[in-house]
Amino acid sequence: MKTAKPFCLALIQAGLLWTCAASAEPIVVQHTEGVVHGFLSLRSPEGNLLADGDLIQTAEGDRVTSRLVFHFKDGSLQDETFVFSQRGHFQLISDHLVQKGPAFESPLDMLIDVASGHVTVRHKNDVGKEEVEDEHMDLPPDLANGLIITLLKNVRQDALPSGVSFVAATPKPRLVKIRISVAGTDSFSIAGSARKATHYVLKVDIGGVAGWIAPLIGKQPPDSHVWILEGEAPAFVRSQAPMSTKGPLWQTDLVSPVWPREK
């Protein structure tokens, strides 16, 4: 019995190398992205406010640069900048993710360069020593790091892709699939006006032997949830997703400016 845990972990490490080669086509552009500055809040599963966020996006031709930053009340930071093209299909060009502070189990700095297939992850090990994982990976055209929300605004419910590819920092970079399904629609309101948002469920597919053994030893990541307002101009409304491999489901919401009351 003493060898069971190392054996299971070995299977998971081997399985993480697996990725589903089928259905690696990038998502077709239905709605082009442009200049955006959105305001966000981040809350714990208990509803406590953890951080405020900004999504700042610019576009030049068919090339879009997005930066999503969360400033935590405890001084932590999540800062992700991703660049993608939208010429017919959405295609990631680069992604740079930085996480640091007590909100995360360990600092992380991951850089993905799709053209070269170069992925670099800087992190600290269990004893606090900084390590660098430098990998060359065959990155598929449907790579979705940073792009999940954009892609969900462009999918068709009657023709959902079976999944999209994603580089997970575990902390060693691994290529996995994220399976997409629709859980239905949920109601919300804007200034008292009733609306409905499509509820998408995202499941990480580790694949291989690790796929069926991971849930048995608590290694299967939790499902993420995203709500999109459909229509001629689809919009992100809410998400519940972990920001790190061992993190809880944190809730991200769009927020509006709050003005001081007039005296």
Protein backbone atom coordinates (compact mmCIF):
# COMPACT_ATOMS: atom_id res chain seq x y z
CA MET A 1 0.00 0.00 0.00
CA LYS A 2 2.94 2.34 0.55
CA THR A 3 3.60 2.46 -3.18
CA ALA A 4 0.02 3.30 -4.18
CA LYS A 5 0.30 7.08 -3.88
CA PRO A 6 3.58 7.43 -5.87
CA PHE A 7 2.13 5.07 -8.47
CA CYS A 8 -1.04 7.16 -8.83
CA LEU A 9 0.95 10.38 -9.06
CA ALA A 10 3.14 8.86 -11.74
CA LEU A 11 0.06 7.95 -13.74
CA ILE A 12 -1.25 11.51 -13.46
CA GLN A 13 2.07 13.00 -14.55
CA ALA A 14 2.11 10.68 -17.54
CA GLY A 15 -1.52 11.37 -18.38
CA LEU A 16 -1.06 15.12 -18.28
CA LEU A 17 1.16 14.78 -21.31
CA TRP A 18 -1.81 13.46 -23.25
CA THR A 19 -3.97 15.78 -25.25
CA CYS A 20 -6.80 15.10 -27.62
CA ALA A 21 -5.48 15.80 -31.09
CA ALA A 22 -8.95 15.75 -32.64
CA SER A 23 -11.02 18.91 -32.95
CA ALA A 24 -8.16 21.38 -32.65
CA GLU A 25 -9.73 23.89 -35.02
CA PRO A 26 -9.78 27.51 -33.79
CA ILE A 27 -13.14 29.21 -33.19
CA VAL A 28 -14.59 31.20 -36.10
CA VAL A 29 -14.92 34.95 -35.53
CA GLN A 30 -18.61 35.90 -35.31
CA HIS A 31 -18.10 39.14 -33.37
CA THR A 32 -14.85 41.08 -33.68
CA GLU A 33 -13.21 42.49 -30.57
CA GLY A 34 -12.31 46.18 -30.20
CA VAL A 35 -11.43 48.82 -27.63
CA VAL A 36 -12.77 47.94 -24.17
CA HIS A 37 -12.31 49.05 -20.57
CA GLY A 38 -14.38 46.91 -18.24
CA PHE A 39 -14.62 46.94 -14.44
CA LEU A 40 -14.78 43.70 -12.46
CA SER A 41 -15.09 42.40 -8.92
CA LEU A 42 -13.70 39.15 -7.54
CA ARG A 43 -15.38 37.36 -4.62
CA SER A 44 -14.72 34.26 -2.54
CA PRO A 45 -17.16 31.32 -2.46
CA GLU A 46 -18.58 32.91 0.71
CA GLY A 47 -19.25 36.18 -1.10
CA ASN A 48 -16.42 38.21 0.45
CA LEU A 49 -14.90 40.86 -1.82
CA LEU A 50 -11.32 39.81 -2.64
CA ALA A 51 -10.21 42.13 -5.42
CA ASP A 52 -11.17 44.77 -7.97
CA GLY A 53 -10.26 44.25 -11.60
CA ASP A 54 -9.80 46.03 -14.90
CA LEU A 55 -10.01 44.60 -18.40
CA ILE A 56 -8.19 46.90 -20.81
CA GLN A 57 -8.28 45.97 -24.47
CA THR A 58 -6.96 47.62 -27.62
CA ALA A 59 -7.11 46.60 -31.26
CA GLU A 60 -4.92 47.37 -34.24
CA GLY A 61 -6.07 45.78 -37.48
CA ASP A 62 -6.83 42.14 -36.74
CA ARG A 63 -4.46 42.06 -33.75
CA VAL A 64 -5.93 42.52 -30.26
CA THR A 65 -4.09 43.04 -26.96
CA SER A 66 -5.99 42.42 -23.72
CA ARG A 67 -4.80 42.96 -20.16
CA LEU A 68 -6.79 41.63 -17.21
CA VAL A 69 -5.54 42.81 -13.80
CA PHE A 70 -6.89 42.01 -10.34
CA HIS A 71 -5.62 43.98 -7.33
CA PHE A 72 -6.38 42.05 -4.13
CA LYS A 73 -7.20 43.61 -0.78
CA ASP A 74 -4.38 41.58 0.81
CA GLY A 75 -1.83 42.99 -1.67
CA SER A 76 -1.86 40.00 -4.03
CA LEU A 77 -1.84 40.51 -7.80
CA GLN A 78 -3.02 38.63 -10.84
CA ASP A 79 -1.92 40.26 -14.09
CA GLU A 80 -2.49 38.57 -17.45
CA THR A 81 -1.73 40.08 -20.86
CA PHE A 82 -2.67 38.11 -23.94
CA VAL A 83 -2.39 38.96 -27.62
CA PHE A 84 -4.48 37.29 -30.33
CA SER A 85 -5.46 37.65 -33.96
CA GLN A 86 -9.02 37.66 -35.28
CA ARG A 87 -8.56 37.15 -38.99
CA GLY A 88 -11.36 34.71 -39.73
CA HIS A 89 -10.53 32.66 -36.64
CA PHE A 90 -9.39 33.58 -33.14
CA GLN A 91 -5.80 32.53 -32.65
CA LEU A 92 -3.60 33.15 -29.63
CA ILE A 93 -0.25 34.84 -30.29
CA SER A 94 1.12 35.15 -26.75
CA ASP A 95 0.03 35.00 -23.13
CA HIS A 96 1.84 36.29 -20.03
CA LEU A 97 0.37 35.44 -16.62
CA VAL A 98 1.74 36.73 -13.31
CA GLN A 99 0.38 35.69 -9.91
CA LYS A 100 1.90 36.71 -6.60
CA GLY A 101 0.93 37.36 -3.01
CA PRO A 102 -0.80 35.43 -0.20
CA ALA A 103 -3.95 34.79 -2.26
CA PHE A 104 -2.00 32.19 -4.28
CA GLU A 105 -0.29 29.02 -3.06
CA SER A 106 2.96 30.13 -4.70
CA PRO A 107 4.17 32.92 -7.04
CA LEU A 108 3.83 32.13 -10.73
CA ASP A 109 5.10 33.74 -13.92
CA MET A 110 4.16 31.93 -17.15
CA LEU A 111 4.94 33.13 -20.67
CA ILE A 112 3.57 31.42 -23.79
CA ASP A 113 4.94 32.27 -27.25
CA VAL A 114 2.76 30.36 -29.70
CA ALA A 115 4.83 30.93 -32.85
CA SER A 116 7.96 29.41 -31.32
CA GLY A 117 6.10 26.90 -29.15
CA HIS A 118 8.11 28.21 -26.21
CA VAL A 119 6.54 28.04 -22.72
CA THR A 120 8.40 29.31 -19.65
CA VAL A 121 7.09 28.95 -16.09
CA ARG A 122 8.81 30.53 -13.10
CA HIS A 123 7.55 29.36 -9.71
CA LYS A 124 8.67 28.45 -6.21
CA ASN A 125 8.92 24.86 -5.04
CA ASP A 126 7.73 23.43 -1.72
CA VAL A 127 10.76 24.81 0.13
CA GLY A 128 10.48 28.29 -1.39
CA LYS A 129 13.27 27.98 -3.95
CA GLU A 130 12.60 29.55 -7.35
CA GLU A 131 12.54 27.11 -10.25
CA VAL A 132 12.21 27.64 -14.00
CA GLU A 133 10.46 25.18 -16.30
CA ASP A 134 11.39 25.89 -19.91
CA GLU A 135 9.50 23.75 -22.41
CA HIS A 136 9.12 23.54 -26.18
CA MET A 137 5.59 22.37 -26.93
CA ASP A 138 3.56 21.62 -30.04
CA LEU A 139 0.86 24.23 -29.42
CA PRO A 140 -2.38 23.61 -31.37
CA PRO A 141 -4.24 26.37 -33.24
CA ASP A 142 -7.18 26.26 -30.79
CA LEU A 143 -5.05 27.23 -27.76
CA ALA A 144 -7.36 29.23 -25.46
CA ASN A 145 -5.21 30.71 -22.68
CA GLY A 146 -6.70 34.12 -21.90
CA LEU A 147 -9.31 33.66 -24.63
CA ILE A 148 -12.05 31.61 -22.96
CA ILE A 149 -14.53 34.49 -22.55
CA THR A 150 -13.92 35.77 -26.08
CA LEU A 151 -14.44 32.30 -27.53
CA LEU A 152 -17.68 31.72 -25.61
CA LYS A 153 -19.09 34.95 -27.06
CA ASN A 154 -18.52 33.45 -30.52
CA VAL A 155 -19.61 29.82 -30.23
CA ARG A 156 -22.96 28.51 -31.44
CA GLN A 157 -24.99 26.50 -28.96
CA ASP A 158 -26.12 24.12 -31.70
CA ALA A 159 -22.54 23.56 -32.88
CA LEU A 160 -20.33 23.70 -29.80
CA PRO A 161 -16.71 22.63 -30.24
CA SER A 162 -15.93 19.44 -28.37
CA GLY A 163 -13.24 21.37 -26.55
CA VAL A 164 -10.36 23.80 -26.73
CA SER A 165 -6.71 23.38 -25.79
CA PHE A 166 -5.15 25.00 -22.73
CA VAL A 167 -1.66 25.17 -21.23
CA ALA A 168 -1.96 24.56 -17.48
CA ALA A 169 0.90 25.50 -15.16
CA THR A 170 0.91 22.59 -12.71
CA PRO A 171 3.58 24.14 -12.20
CA LYS A 172 5.25 22.30 -15.06
CA PRO A 173 3.39 23.40 -18.21
CA ARG A 174 1.02 20.73 -19.50
CA LEU A 175 -1.37 20.73 -22.44
CA VAL A 176 -4.95 19.72 -21.57
CA LYS A 177 -8.39 19.98 -23.13
CA ILE A 178 -11.26 22.07 -21.78
CA ARG A 179 -14.62 20.52 -22.65
CA ILE A 180 -17.52 22.95 -23.15
CA SER A 181 -21.20 22.26 -22.47
CA VAL A 182 -24.35 24.31 -21.88
CA ALA A 183 -26.17 23.94 -18.55
CA GLY A 184 -29.14 26.09 -19.62
CA THR A 185 -30.04 29.72 -19.01
CA ASP A 186 -30.14 31.71 -15.76
CA SER A 187 -32.03 34.91 -15.00
CA PHE A 188 -30.57 38.20 -13.80
CA SER A 189 -31.61 41.83 -14.02
CA ILE A 190 -30.17 45.18 -15.09
CA ALA A 191 -31.76 48.24 -13.45
CA GLY A 192 -34.85 46.15 -12.76
CA SER A 193 -35.06 44.80 -16.32
CA ALA A 194 -35.12 40.98 -16.53
CA ARG A 195 -32.48 39.30 -18.71
CA LYS A 196 -31.25 35.77 -19.31
CA ALA A 197 -27.68 34.52 -19.69
CA THR A 198 -26.45 31.25 -21.15
CA HIS A 199 -24.67 29.15 -18.53
CA TYR A 200 -21.59 27.38 -19.90
CA VAL A 201 -19.75 24.65 -17.99
CA LEU A 202 -16.03 24.09 -18.60
CA LYS A 203 -14.45 20.79 -17.58
CA VAL A 204 -10.73 20.10 -17.67
CA ASP A 205 -10.09 16.82 -19.50
CA ILE A 206 -6.78 15.43 -18.28
CA GLY A 207 -7.17 12.40 -20.51
CA GLY A 208 -5.51 9.01 -20.61
CA VAL A 209 -5.13 6.86 -17.51
CA ALA A 210 -4.83 10.00 -15.40
CA GLY A 211 -8.29 11.10 -16.51
CA TRP A 212 -10.10 8.34 -14.65
CA ILE A 213 -7.74 8.06 -11.70
CA ALA A 214 -7.42 11.80 -10.92
CA PRO A 215 -10.87 12.15 -9.27
CA LEU A 216 -10.09 9.18 -7.03
CA ILE A 217 -7.19 10.99 -5.34
CA GLY A 218 -8.52 14.54 -5.50
CA LYS A 219 -6.51 15.78 -8.48
CA GLN A 220 -9.37 16.52 -10.89
CA PRO A 221 -9.78 20.32 -11.19
CA PRO A 222 -13.29 21.59 -10.40
CA ASP A 223 -15.61 22.59 -13.25
CA SER A 224 -15.68 26.28 -14.15
CA HIS A 225 -18.84 28.22 -15.01
CA VAL A 226 -19.32 31.21 -17.32
CA TRP A 227 -22.48 33.20 -18.05
CA ILE A 228 -22.80 35.00 -21.41
CA LEU A 229 -25.59 37.37 -22.44
CA GLU A 230 -26.45 36.31 -26.00
CA GLY A 231 -27.69 38.51 -28.86
CA GLU A 232 -26.29 40.75 -31.57
CA ALA A 233 -23.54 41.89 -29.19
CA PRO A 234 -22.81 39.03 -26.73
CA ALA A 235 -21.40 40.10 -23.36
CA PHE A 236 -19.71 38.47 -20.39
CA VAL A 237 -21.84 38.61 -17.22
CA ARG A 238 -20.26 36.35 -14.60
CA SER A 239 -17.81 33.50 -14.08
CA GLN A 240 -16.94 31.07 -11.30
CA ALA A 241 -13.51 29.58 -11.83
CA PRO A 242 -10.24 28.79 -10.04
CA MET A 243 -7.31 31.10 -10.78
CA SER A 244 -4.71 28.48 -9.85
CA THR A 245 -4.38 24.71 -9.97
CA LYS A 246 -5.29 24.26 -6.28
CA GLY A 247 -7.47 27.33 -5.88
CA PRO A 248 -11.19 27.57 -5.02
CA LEU A 249 -13.91 28.78 -7.39
CA TRP A 250 -13.73 32.57 -7.24
CA GLN A 251 -16.59 34.59 -8.71
CA THR A 252 -15.95 37.38 -11.21
CA ASP A 253 -18.73 39.88 -11.98
CA LEU A 254 -19.09 42.95 -14.13
CA VAL A 255 -19.54 46.03 -11.95
CA SER A 256 -20.60 49.61 -12.55
CA PRO A 257 -19.04 52.78 -11.11
CA VAL A 258 -20.43 53.90 -7.76
CA TRP A 259 -20.65 57.66 -7.28
CA PRO A 260 -20.54 59.41 -3.88
CA ARG A 261 -23.91 60.62 -2.69
CA GLU A 262 -24.60 64.28 -3.14
CA LYS A 263 -24.76 66.19 0.14
